[in-house]
Amino acid sequence: MAKAKKKAGQKIIKPGKDIVASTANALRKKLLGIVEKGATPVIIDLTRVEMIDSVGLGVLIATHNSLSKAGGRLAVTNVSKDIYGLFKTMRLDQHFEVKQVS
């Protein structure tokens, strides 16, 4: 289960595991609940996430779209090199902030 905490007015979500079809529904529900509570900046910390499939990407894109409509924003941090390359290839970094692992 994804962990959520609030820090400096931002909601930080740490899935802690790969975001794939079998786990994406739980993350989707968690993110939907956060979006419904208000347009706050949401940061998804991908520490320990090594893989995201098409279902997982759909969850991130839907969250971005919902936040944008509500006046909020999405950022994704601690992205592995491989996932960062995927985001760049799909041009998702042009829609929300993506920060690679330092």
N, C-alpha and C. Protein backbone atom coordinates (compact mmCIF):
# COMPACT_ATOMS: atom_id res chain seq x y z
N MET A 1 0.84 -1.18 0.00
CA MET A 1 0.00 0.00 0.00
C MET A 1 0.88 1.24 0.00
N ALA A 2 0.52 2.20 -0.81
CA ALA A 2 1.27 3.44 -0.91
C ALA A 2 1.15 4.24 0.39
N LYS A 3 2.26 4.84 0.79
CA LYS A 3 2.26 5.68 1.98
C LYS A 3 2.10 7.13 1.56
N ALA A 4 1.31 7.88 2.32
CA ALA A 4 1.09 9.30 2.03
C ALA A 4 1.43 10.12 3.26
N LYS A 5 2.04 11.28 3.02
CA LYS A 5 2.27 12.21 4.10
C LYS A 5 2.20 13.62 3.54
N LYS A 6 1.97 14.57 4.41
CA LYS A 6 1.88 15.96 4.00
C LYS A 6 3.10 16.68 4.52
N LYS A 7 3.73 17.47 3.66
CA LYS A 7 4.94 18.20 4.03
C LYS A 7 4.94 19.53 3.30
N ALA A 8 5.00 20.60 4.05
CA ALA A 8 5.05 21.95 3.50
C ALA A 8 3.92 22.20 2.50
N GLY A 9 2.71 21.76 2.84
CA GLY A 9 1.56 22.00 1.99
C GLY A 9 1.46 21.10 0.77
N GLN A 10 2.36 20.12 0.67
CA GLN A 10 2.35 19.20 -0.46
C GLN A 10 2.03 17.79 0.05
N LYS A 11 1.34 17.04 -0.76
CA LYS A 11 1.05 15.64 -0.45
C LYS A 11 2.12 14.80 -1.14
N ILE A 12 2.82 13.97 -0.37
CA ILE A 12 3.87 13.11 -0.92
C ILE A 12 3.40 11.66 -0.82
N ILE A 13 3.40 10.97 -1.95
CA ILE A 13 2.98 9.58 -2.03
C ILE A 13 4.19 8.73 -2.39
N LYS A 14 4.41 7.66 -1.63
CA LYS A 14 5.50 6.72 -1.90
C LYS A 14 4.89 5.34 -2.16
N PRO A 15 4.76 4.96 -3.44
CA PRO A 15 4.21 3.63 -3.73
C PRO A 15 5.07 2.51 -3.13
N GLY A 16 6.41 2.66 -3.15
CA GLY A 16 7.29 1.68 -2.55
C GLY A 16 7.46 0.39 -3.32
N LYS A 17 6.72 0.23 -4.41
CA LYS A 17 6.85 -0.97 -5.25
C LYS A 17 6.46 -0.60 -6.67
N ASP A 18 6.69 -1.54 -7.59
CA ASP A 18 6.39 -1.29 -9.00
C ASP A 18 4.92 -0.91 -9.19
N ILE A 19 4.70 -0.03 -10.16
CA ILE A 19 3.33 0.41 -10.46
C ILE A 19 2.90 -0.31 -11.73
N VAL A 20 2.31 -1.47 -11.52
CA VAL A 20 1.89 -2.34 -12.62
C VAL A 20 0.42 -2.68 -12.42
N ALA A 21 -0.15 -3.36 -13.39
CA ALA A 21 -1.59 -3.66 -13.39
C ALA A 21 -2.08 -4.24 -12.06
N SER A 22 -1.30 -5.12 -11.46
CA SER A 22 -1.75 -5.79 -10.23
C SER A 22 -1.74 -4.87 -9.01
N THR A 23 -1.00 -3.77 -9.05
CA THR A 23 -0.92 -2.86 -7.90
C THR A 23 -1.49 -1.48 -8.18
N ALA A 24 -1.76 -1.19 -9.43
CA ALA A 24 -2.15 0.17 -9.82
C ALA A 24 -3.50 0.60 -9.25
N ASN A 25 -4.42 -0.33 -9.07
CA ASN A 25 -5.76 0.05 -8.59
C ASN A 25 -5.71 0.66 -7.20
N ALA A 26 -4.90 0.10 -6.31
CA ALA A 26 -4.77 0.63 -4.96
C ALA A 26 -4.18 2.04 -5.00
N LEU A 27 -3.17 2.24 -5.84
CA LEU A 27 -2.57 3.57 -5.98
C LEU A 27 -3.58 4.56 -6.57
N ARG A 28 -4.34 4.10 -7.56
CA ARG A 28 -5.36 4.95 -8.19
C ARG A 28 -6.36 5.45 -7.13
N LYS A 29 -6.83 4.55 -6.28
CA LYS A 29 -7.80 4.92 -5.24
C LYS A 29 -7.20 5.93 -4.27
N LYS A 30 -5.95 5.71 -3.87
CA LYS A 30 -5.26 6.62 -2.95
C LYS A 30 -5.14 8.01 -3.57
N LEU A 31 -4.71 8.07 -4.81
CA LEU A 31 -4.53 9.35 -5.49
C LEU A 31 -5.86 10.05 -5.73
N LEU A 32 -6.89 9.30 -6.09
CA LEU A 32 -8.21 9.87 -6.31
C LEU A 32 -8.73 10.53 -5.03
N GLY A 33 -8.54 9.86 -3.90
CA GLY A 33 -8.95 10.42 -2.62
C GLY A 33 -8.24 11.74 -2.32
N ILE A 34 -6.96 11.80 -2.63
CA ILE A 34 -6.18 13.03 -2.41
C ILE A 34 -6.68 14.14 -3.31
N VAL A 35 -6.90 13.84 -4.58
CA VAL A 35 -7.37 14.85 -5.54
C VAL A 35 -8.74 15.38 -5.13
N GLU A 36 -9.61 14.50 -4.67
CA GLU A 36 -10.96 14.91 -4.28
C GLU A 36 -10.97 15.83 -3.07
N LYS A 37 -9.94 15.76 -2.23
CA LYS A 37 -9.87 16.60 -1.04
C LYS A 37 -9.41 18.03 -1.34
N GLY A 38 -8.93 18.27 -2.55
CA GLY A 38 -8.50 19.63 -2.90
C GLY A 38 -7.31 19.64 -3.82
N ALA A 39 -7.14 20.78 -4.46
CA ALA A 39 -6.08 20.96 -5.45
C ALA A 39 -4.78 21.33 -4.75
N THR A 40 -4.09 20.35 -4.28
CA THR A 40 -2.81 20.56 -3.63
C THR A 40 -1.72 19.99 -4.53
N PRO A 41 -0.51 20.51 -4.43
CA PRO A 41 0.56 19.86 -5.18
C PRO A 41 0.74 18.43 -4.68
N VAL A 42 0.84 17.49 -5.60
CA VAL A 42 1.04 16.08 -5.26
C VAL A 42 2.38 15.64 -5.82
N ILE A 43 3.19 15.06 -4.95
CA ILE A 43 4.50 14.54 -5.36
C ILE A 43 4.46 13.03 -5.20
N ILE A 44 4.81 12.33 -6.27
CA ILE A 44 4.90 10.87 -6.21
C ILE A 44 6.39 10.52 -6.19
N ASP A 45 6.83 9.95 -5.08
CA ASP A 45 8.22 9.58 -4.87
C ASP A 45 8.41 8.13 -5.33
N LEU A 46 9.15 7.95 -6.40
CA LEU A 46 9.31 6.62 -6.99
C LEU A 46 10.52 5.86 -6.45
N THR A 47 10.96 6.19 -5.24
CA THR A 47 12.02 5.42 -4.61
C THR A 47 11.57 3.96 -4.52
N ARG A 48 12.43 3.05 -4.92
CA ARG A 48 12.18 1.59 -4.92
C ARG A 48 11.16 1.16 -5.98
N VAL A 49 10.82 2.02 -6.92
CA VAL A 49 9.97 1.63 -8.04
C VAL A 49 10.89 1.41 -9.23
N GLU A 50 10.90 0.18 -9.73
CA GLU A 50 11.79 -0.17 -10.84
C GLU A 50 11.06 -0.32 -12.16
N MET A 51 9.73 -0.44 -12.10
CA MET A 51 8.98 -0.66 -13.33
C MET A 51 7.60 -0.03 -13.24
N ILE A 52 7.19 0.57 -14.36
CA ILE A 52 5.83 1.10 -14.50
C ILE A 52 5.32 0.58 -15.84
N ASP A 53 4.16 -0.09 -15.84
CA ASP A 53 3.59 -0.56 -17.10
C ASP A 53 2.55 0.45 -17.61
N SER A 54 1.85 0.09 -18.67
CA SER A 54 0.90 1.01 -19.29
C SER A 54 -0.24 1.39 -18.34
N VAL A 55 -0.65 0.46 -17.50
CA VAL A 55 -1.71 0.75 -16.52
C VAL A 55 -1.20 1.77 -15.50
N GLY A 56 0.03 1.59 -15.04
CA GLY A 56 0.63 2.54 -14.11
C GLY A 56 0.79 3.92 -14.70
N LEU A 57 1.21 3.96 -15.97
CA LEU A 57 1.31 5.26 -16.66
C LEU A 57 -0.06 5.92 -16.75
N GLY A 58 -1.08 5.12 -17.00
CA GLY A 58 -2.44 5.66 -17.07
C GLY A 58 -2.87 6.29 -15.76
N VAL A 59 -2.48 5.68 -14.64
CA VAL A 59 -2.80 6.23 -13.32
C VAL A 59 -2.12 7.59 -13.14
N LEU A 60 -0.85 7.68 -13.51
CA LEU A 60 -0.13 8.95 -13.38
C LEU A 60 -0.73 10.03 -14.28
N ILE A 61 -1.05 9.67 -15.50
CA ILE A 61 -1.63 10.64 -16.44
C ILE A 61 -3.01 11.10 -15.97
N ALA A 62 -3.84 10.17 -15.50
CA ALA A 62 -5.17 10.54 -15.00
C ALA A 62 -5.06 11.45 -13.78
N THR A 63 -4.09 11.17 -12.91
CA THR A 63 -3.88 12.03 -11.74
C THR A 63 -3.46 13.42 -12.17
N HIS A 64 -2.54 13.50 -13.11
CA HIS A 64 -2.12 14.80 -13.63
C HIS A 64 -3.31 15.57 -14.20
N ASN A 65 -4.12 14.90 -15.01
CA ASN A 65 -5.27 15.56 -15.63
C ASN A 65 -6.26 16.05 -14.59
N SER A 66 -6.55 15.23 -13.59
CA SER A 66 -7.50 15.62 -12.53
C SER A 66 -6.96 16.80 -11.73
N LEU A 67 -5.68 16.75 -11.39
CA LEU A 67 -5.08 17.85 -10.64
C LEU A 67 -5.08 19.14 -11.44
N SER A 68 -4.75 19.04 -12.71
CA SER A 68 -4.72 20.23 -13.57
C SER A 68 -6.09 20.90 -13.64
N LYS A 69 -7.13 20.11 -13.80
CA LYS A 69 -8.49 20.65 -13.85
C LYS A 69 -8.87 21.35 -12.56
N ALA A 70 -8.32 20.86 -11.43
CA ALA A 70 -8.66 21.42 -10.12
C ALA A 70 -7.69 22.54 -9.71
N GLY A 71 -6.73 22.85 -10.56
CA GLY A 71 -5.77 23.92 -10.26
C GLY A 71 -4.54 23.44 -9.51
N GLY A 72 -4.36 22.14 -9.40
CA GLY A 72 -3.19 21.58 -8.71
C GLY A 72 -2.13 21.16 -9.71
N ARG A 73 -1.10 20.51 -9.19
CA ARG A 73 -0.04 20.04 -10.09
C ARG A 73 0.55 18.74 -9.56
N LEU A 74 1.16 17.99 -10.47
CA LEU A 74 1.78 16.72 -10.15
C LEU A 74 3.27 16.81 -10.42
N ALA A 75 4.06 16.22 -9.54
CA ALA A 75 5.50 16.06 -9.76
C ALA A 75 5.86 14.63 -9.41
N VAL A 76 6.84 14.09 -10.11
CA VAL A 76 7.32 12.74 -9.86
C VAL A 76 8.81 12.84 -9.57
N THR A 77 9.24 12.31 -8.40
CA THR A 77 10.63 12.44 -7.99
C THR A 77 11.28 11.08 -7.79
N ASN A 78 12.61 11.13 -7.66
CA ASN A 78 13.42 9.92 -7.44
C ASN A 78 13.14 8.85 -8.48
N VAL A 79 13.12 9.29 -9.72
CA VAL A 79 12.82 8.42 -10.86
C VAL A 79 14.10 7.72 -11.31
N SER A 80 14.04 6.40 -11.47
CA SER A 80 15.21 5.64 -11.93
C SER A 80 15.55 6.06 -13.37
N LYS A 81 16.76 5.73 -13.78
CA LYS A 81 17.23 6.08 -15.12
C LYS A 81 16.30 5.50 -16.20
N ASP A 82 15.91 4.24 -16.04
CA ASP A 82 15.06 3.59 -17.04
C ASP A 82 13.67 4.24 -17.12
N ILE A 83 13.07 4.50 -15.98
CA ILE A 83 11.74 5.12 -15.96
C ILE A 83 11.83 6.55 -16.47
N TYR A 84 12.92 7.25 -16.13
CA TYR A 84 13.12 8.60 -16.64
C TYR A 84 13.16 8.59 -18.17
N GLY A 85 13.87 7.62 -18.73
CA GLY A 85 13.94 7.49 -20.19
C GLY A 85 12.56 7.25 -20.80
N LEU A 86 11.75 6.44 -20.14
CA LEU A 86 10.38 6.19 -20.60
C LEU A 86 9.56 7.48 -20.59
N PHE A 87 9.65 8.23 -19.48
CA PHE A 87 8.91 9.50 -19.38
C PHE A 87 9.35 10.48 -20.46
N LYS A 88 10.67 10.54 -20.72
CA LYS A 88 11.18 11.45 -21.77
C LYS A 88 10.69 11.01 -23.14
N THR A 89 10.75 9.71 -23.42
CA THR A 89 10.31 9.19 -24.72
C THR A 89 8.84 9.49 -24.97
N MET A 90 8.03 9.36 -23.92
CA MET A 90 6.59 9.61 -24.04
C MET A 90 6.25 11.09 -23.86
N ARG A 91 7.27 11.90 -23.62
CA ARG A 91 7.12 13.35 -23.43
C ARG A 91 6.25 13.71 -22.22
N LEU A 92 6.19 12.83 -21.26
CA LEU A 92 5.42 13.12 -20.04
C LEU A 92 6.08 14.22 -19.23
N ASP A 93 7.40 14.38 -19.39
CA ASP A 93 8.11 15.43 -18.67
C ASP A 93 7.69 16.83 -19.14
N GLN A 94 6.97 16.91 -20.24
CA GLN A 94 6.44 18.19 -20.72
C GLN A 94 5.09 18.51 -20.08
N HIS A 95 4.51 17.55 -19.38
CA HIS A 95 3.20 17.74 -18.77
C HIS A 95 3.28 17.87 -17.25
N PHE A 96 4.21 17.16 -16.65
CA PHE A 96 4.43 17.30 -15.21
C PHE A 96 5.92 17.18 -14.92
N GLU A 97 6.31 17.69 -13.77
CA GLU A 97 7.72 17.71 -13.39
C GLU A 97 8.22 16.30 -13.10
N VAL A 98 9.38 15.97 -13.66
CA VAL A 98 9.99 14.66 -13.45
C VAL A 98 11.44 14.88 -13.01
N LYS A 99 11.78 14.37 -11.82
CA LYS A 99 13.15 14.53 -11.30
C LYS A 99 13.78 13.16 -11.14
N GLN A 100 14.93 13.00 -11.80
CA GLN A 100 15.66 11.74 -11.75
C GLN A 100 16.38 11.61 -10.41
N VAL A 101 16.70 10.38 -10.02
CA VAL A 101 17.47 10.12 -8.79
C VAL A 101 18.79 10.85 -8.92
N SER A 102 19.20 11.54 -7.84
CA SER A 102 20.47 12.27 -7.90
C SER A 102 21.64 11.40 -7.62
